Amino acid sequence: MKILPAIDIKDKKCVRLIKGNFDNKTEYELSPVEQARKYKDYGFKNLHIVDLDGALTGETVNLDIIKGIVGKFNLKVEIGGGIRNFDSIQKYVDAGADKVILGSAAIKDKNFLKEACDKFKDKIALGLDAKNGYLSVSGWKENSNKLTLDYLREVNDYGFSRLIYTDINRDGMKQSPNFEETSKVSDISNCPVIISGGVSSINDIKKAKTLKNIEGIIVGKAIYDGDIQLTDLAKELN
């Protein structure tokens, strides 16, 4: 199972948000590139990166940072945040991203998701961010009024190669992921699922390994706050 340390970028800095709230953010000392180097040094091969500036603007604001991380450290990076058109996907693919995450744009326009999967084979990850069973969009500010499982059934055959499921109520809260809802998603998903939101301890990693159709788990705030030591997390790599 892959372990994907998270890097959220805002104003060229590493930050973490609570439940996606831009007014409730913590900035960290290390730059995104330095943070990526640290993960590489501990033996991690995969990274989850969110361009929060991109989420707000719909532009590839931090493309240069992504290029730098991929170019320097040969890490497999999945990148998300405000990716709304083929041009942005192409830029990230050209920068060396392993997966490009489509979220709000894919939920608002299923045809965009389908065409992206056709055009960029094996490069598209679908990001489903849910609150109380319903998908949220636009930086989690809007409820789409679509049930997560209903939407997934509608697009399940489109050809995305990874699904990232985030429970917004757990994100940044360090209360453990919503394994119950994640299992419902992974049970019907045609592709492997990445667990996101709420990881609080090594026990969460161990539990994730027992679930079926789970490709990996994203760990963010628990690393930055010191609740999980990278030496311990690295031992869970396989």
Protein backbone atom coordinates (compact mmCIF):
# COMPACT_ATOMS: atom_id res chain seq x y z
CA MET A 1 0.00 0.00 0.00
CA LYS A 2 1.27 3.43 -0.95
CA ILE A 3 1.76 6.10 1.70
CA LEU A 4 1.43 9.59 0.24
CA PRO A 5 2.69 12.42 2.44
CA ALA A 6 0.76 15.59 1.65
CA ILE A 7 2.06 18.99 0.61
CA ASP A 8 -0.51 21.79 0.35
CA ILE A 9 0.91 24.91 -1.31
CA LYS A 10 -0.35 28.45 -0.68
CA ASP A 11 1.71 31.56 -1.49
CA LYS A 12 4.76 29.33 -2.16
CA LYS A 13 4.57 27.92 1.38
CA CYS A 14 3.52 24.60 2.91
CA VAL A 15 0.24 25.04 4.74
CA ARG A 16 -2.48 22.88 6.26
CA LEU A 17 -6.16 23.78 6.44
CA ILE A 18 -8.83 22.59 8.84
CA LYS A 19 -11.76 21.12 6.86
CA GLY A 20 -10.54 23.04 3.81
CA ASN A 21 -11.14 26.43 5.45
CA PHE A 22 -8.72 29.04 4.05
CA ASP A 23 -9.34 31.20 7.12
CA ASN A 24 -8.13 28.39 9.38
CA LYS A 25 -4.67 27.61 8.06
CA THR A 26 -1.27 26.86 9.55
CA GLU A 27 1.94 27.78 7.72
CA TYR A 28 5.06 25.65 8.13
CA GLU A 29 8.70 26.60 7.96
CA LEU A 30 9.98 24.32 5.23
CA SER A 31 9.34 25.26 1.61
CA PRO A 32 7.43 22.74 -0.54
CA VAL A 33 10.66 21.68 -2.26
CA GLU A 34 12.48 21.25 1.06
CA GLN A 35 9.53 19.28 2.42
CA ALA A 36 9.60 17.01 -0.63
CA ARG A 37 13.34 16.47 -0.15
CA LYS A 38 12.66 15.44 3.44
CA TYR A 39 10.09 12.86 2.35
CA LYS A 40 12.46 11.55 -0.31
CA ASP A 41 15.25 11.21 2.27
CA TYR A 42 12.97 9.06 4.43
CA GLY A 43 12.31 6.71 1.52
CA PHE A 44 8.87 7.83 0.37
CA LYS A 45 8.24 7.46 -3.36
CA ASN A 46 4.80 9.05 -3.69
CA LEU A 47 3.51 12.55 -2.89
CA HIS A 48 0.07 14.11 -2.76
CA ILE A 49 0.26 17.81 -3.67
CA VAL A 50 -2.57 20.33 -3.68
CA ASP A 51 -2.11 23.75 -5.24
CA LEU A 52 -4.43 25.82 -3.04
CA ASP A 53 -3.70 28.92 -5.12
CA GLY A 54 -4.84 26.93 -8.13
CA ALA A 55 -7.99 25.85 -6.31
CA LEU A 56 -8.86 29.52 -5.81
CA THR A 57 -7.90 30.79 -9.27
CA GLY A 58 -8.28 27.85 -11.66
CA GLU A 59 -4.73 28.44 -12.90
CA THR A 60 -1.55 26.35 -12.61
CA VAL A 61 -0.09 28.89 -10.18
CA ASN A 62 2.63 26.70 -8.68
CA LEU A 63 3.62 24.75 -11.78
CA ASP A 64 7.28 25.70 -11.31
CA ILE A 65 7.31 24.17 -7.82
CA ILE A 66 5.80 20.93 -9.14
CA LYS A 67 8.41 20.81 -11.91
CA GLY A 68 11.15 21.37 -9.34
CA ILE A 69 9.95 18.60 -7.05
CA VAL A 70 9.52 16.03 -9.83
CA GLY A 71 12.77 17.00 -11.54
CA LYS A 72 14.95 16.99 -8.43
CA PHE A 73 13.65 13.95 -6.57
CA ASN A 74 12.09 11.58 -9.12
CA LEU A 75 8.99 11.20 -6.94
CA LYS A 76 5.60 10.03 -8.19
CA VAL A 77 3.43 13.08 -7.65
CA GLU A 78 -0.32 13.34 -7.82
CA ILE A 79 -1.37 16.97 -8.17
CA GLY A 80 -4.75 18.62 -7.66
CA GLY A 81 -6.27 22.02 -7.10
CA GLY A 82 -8.45 23.95 -9.54
CA ILE A 83 -7.70 21.86 -12.64
CA ARG A 84 -10.53 22.79 -14.98
CA ASN A 85 -9.31 22.33 -18.54
CA PHE A 86 -7.18 20.15 -20.81
CA ASP A 87 -4.44 22.78 -21.00
CA SER A 88 -3.82 22.59 -17.25
CA ILE A 89 -3.79 18.78 -17.35
CA GLN A 90 -1.27 18.88 -20.20
CA LYS A 91 1.00 21.27 -18.29
CA TYR A 92 1.11 18.96 -15.27
CA VAL A 93 1.64 15.87 -17.41
CA ASP A 94 4.49 17.66 -19.21
CA ALA A 95 5.91 18.62 -15.80
CA GLY A 96 6.14 14.92 -14.96
CA ALA A 97 3.13 14.44 -12.69
CA ASP A 98 2.19 10.79 -12.23
CA LYS A 99 -1.51 11.59 -11.74
CA VAL A 100 -3.60 14.72 -12.27
CA ILE A 101 -6.56 14.99 -9.90
CA LEU A 102 -9.88 16.23 -11.22
CA GLY A 103 -12.44 17.25 -8.63
CA SER A 104 -14.99 20.04 -8.94
CA ALA A 105 -14.71 20.32 -12.72
CA ALA A 106 -15.34 16.58 -13.10
CA ILE A 107 -18.36 16.64 -10.79
CA LYS A 108 -19.88 19.68 -12.50
CA ASP A 109 -19.21 18.29 -16.00
CA LYS A 110 -19.04 14.52 -16.39
CA ASN A 111 -18.17 14.88 -20.08
CA PHE A 112 -15.00 16.76 -19.14
CA LEU A 113 -13.99 13.84 -16.93
CA LYS A 114 -14.72 11.30 -19.66
CA GLU A 115 -12.82 13.22 -22.34
CA ALA A 116 -9.88 13.78 -19.99
CA CYS A 117 -9.68 10.05 -19.27
CA ASP A 118 -9.74 9.31 -23.00
CA LYS A 119 -7.14 11.95 -23.83
CA PHE A 120 -4.74 11.31 -20.93
CA LYS A 121 -4.65 7.54 -20.46
CA ASP A 122 -3.70 6.36 -16.96
CA LYS A 123 -3.02 9.94 -15.84
CA ILE A 124 -6.38 10.99 -14.41
CA ALA A 125 -7.32 10.56 -10.76
CA LEU A 126 -10.83 11.42 -9.64
CA GLY A 127 -11.06 13.33 -6.39
CA LEU A 128 -14.31 12.82 -4.50
CA ASP A 129 -14.64 15.12 -1.50
CA ALA A 130 -17.71 14.33 0.56
CA LYS A 131 -19.58 15.78 3.50
CA ASN A 132 -22.36 13.74 5.10
CA GLY A 133 -22.56 11.54 2.02
CA TYR A 134 -22.83 14.39 -0.50
CA LEU A 135 -20.09 15.66 -2.81
CA SER A 136 -18.72 19.15 -2.24
CA VAL A 137 -17.17 21.35 -4.94
CA SER A 138 -15.42 24.69 -5.42
CA GLY A 139 -12.90 24.37 -2.63
CA TRP A 140 -15.54 22.64 -0.47
CA LYS A 141 -17.59 25.84 -0.36
CA GLU A 142 -20.54 24.37 -2.29
CA ASN A 143 -22.61 21.26 -1.80
CA SER A 144 -23.27 19.66 -5.17
CA ASN A 145 -26.48 17.94 -3.96
CA LYS A 146 -25.08 14.74 -5.49
CA LEU A 147 -24.72 11.63 -3.39
CA THR A 148 -21.16 10.34 -3.59
CA LEU A 149 -22.07 6.75 -4.41
CA ASP A 150 -24.67 7.75 -7.03
CA TYR A 151 -22.15 9.94 -8.84
CA LEU A 152 -19.49 7.22 -8.72
CA ARG A 153 -21.87 4.70 -10.26
CA GLU A 154 -22.56 7.17 -13.10
CA VAL A 155 -18.87 7.65 -14.00
CA ASN A 156 -17.37 4.34 -12.87
CA ASP A 157 -16.62 3.17 -16.43
CA TYR A 158 -15.00 6.40 -17.64
CA GLY A 159 -11.45 5.12 -17.21
CA PHE A 160 -9.86 7.18 -14.42
CA SER A 161 -7.00 5.19 -12.93
CA ARG A 162 -7.26 6.25 -9.28
CA LEU A 163 -9.97 7.52 -6.94
CA ILE A 164 -9.13 9.75 -3.98
CA TYR A 165 -11.87 9.81 -1.37
CA THR A 166 -11.83 12.56 1.28
CA ASP A 167 -14.26 12.93 4.14
CA ILE A 168 -14.32 16.70 4.66
CA ASN A 169 -15.53 16.43 8.24
CA ARG A 170 -12.36 14.50 9.08
CA ASP A 171 -9.86 16.57 7.07
CA GLY A 172 -7.22 18.16 9.26
CA MET A 173 -9.02 16.96 12.38
CA LYS A 174 -6.80 13.94 13.14
CA GLN A 175 -9.81 11.88 14.23
CA SER A 176 -9.03 8.90 11.95
CA PRO A 177 -10.37 8.56 8.40
CA ASN A 178 -13.97 7.61 7.74
CA PHE A 179 -13.16 3.98 7.01
CA GLU A 180 -16.84 3.00 6.83
CA GLU A 181 -17.69 5.41 4.02
CA THR A 182 -14.37 4.76 2.30
CA SER A 183 -15.16 1.04 2.23
CA LYS A 184 -18.53 1.76 0.59
CA VAL A 185 -16.70 3.70 -2.11
CA SER A 186 -13.96 1.10 -2.60
CA ASP A 187 -16.54 -1.71 -2.78
CA ILE A 188 -18.08 -0.29 -5.96
CA SER A 189 -15.11 1.58 -7.49
CA ASN A 190 -13.67 0.10 -10.68
CA CYS A 191 -10.24 1.50 -9.81
CA PRO A 192 -8.10 1.51 -6.65
CA VAL A 193 -8.93 4.02 -3.93
CA ILE A 194 -6.72 6.40 -1.95
CA ILE A 195 -7.91 7.24 1.58
CA SER A 196 -7.72 10.92 2.55
CA GLY A 197 -8.68 13.00 5.57
CA GLY A 198 -8.19 12.53 9.29
CA VAL A 199 -5.16 10.25 9.62
CA SER A 200 -4.05 10.52 13.23
CA SER A 201 -1.75 7.60 14.04
CA ILE A 202 0.15 4.63 12.69
CA ASN A 203 -2.87 2.52 13.66
CA ASP A 204 -4.84 4.27 10.90
CA ILE A 205 -2.19 3.14 8.40
CA LYS A 206 -2.35 -0.42 9.68
CA LYS A 207 -6.15 -0.47 9.45
CA ALA A 208 -6.08 0.88 5.89
CA LYS A 209 -3.89 -2.05 4.89
CA THR A 210 -6.66 -4.47 5.88
CA LEU A 211 -9.25 -2.96 3.51
CA LYS A 212 -9.82 -4.21 -0.01
CA ASN A 213 -9.27 -2.18 -3.19
CA ILE A 214 -7.23 0.43 -1.28
CA GLU A 215 -4.16 1.63 -3.17
CA GLY A 216 -2.86 4.01 -0.55
CA ILE A 217 -3.43 6.60 2.15
CA ILE A 218 -2.63 10.32 2.37
CA VAL A 219 -1.01 11.65 5.53
CA GLY A 220 -0.78 15.39 6.14
CA LYS A 221 -1.36 17.32 9.33
CA ALA A 222 -0.37 14.42 11.61
CA ILE A 223 3.14 14.58 10.12
CA TYR A 224 3.45 18.35 10.36
CA ASP A 225 2.20 18.43 13.95
CA GLY A 226 4.47 15.59 15.03
CA ASP A 227 1.71 13.11 15.87
CA ILE A 228 3.28 10.66 13.42
CA GLN A 229 7.06 10.45 13.17
CA LEU A 230 8.45 9.96 9.66
CA THR A 231 10.74 7.21 10.94
CA ASP A 232 7.69 5.25 12.12
CA LEU A 233 5.69 6.01 9.00
CA ALA A 234 8.55 4.90 6.76
CA LYS A 235 8.49 1.48 8.45
CA GLU A 236 5.01 0.98 7.05
CA LEU A 237 6.25 1.31 3.46
CA ASN A 238 6.23 -1.95 1.55
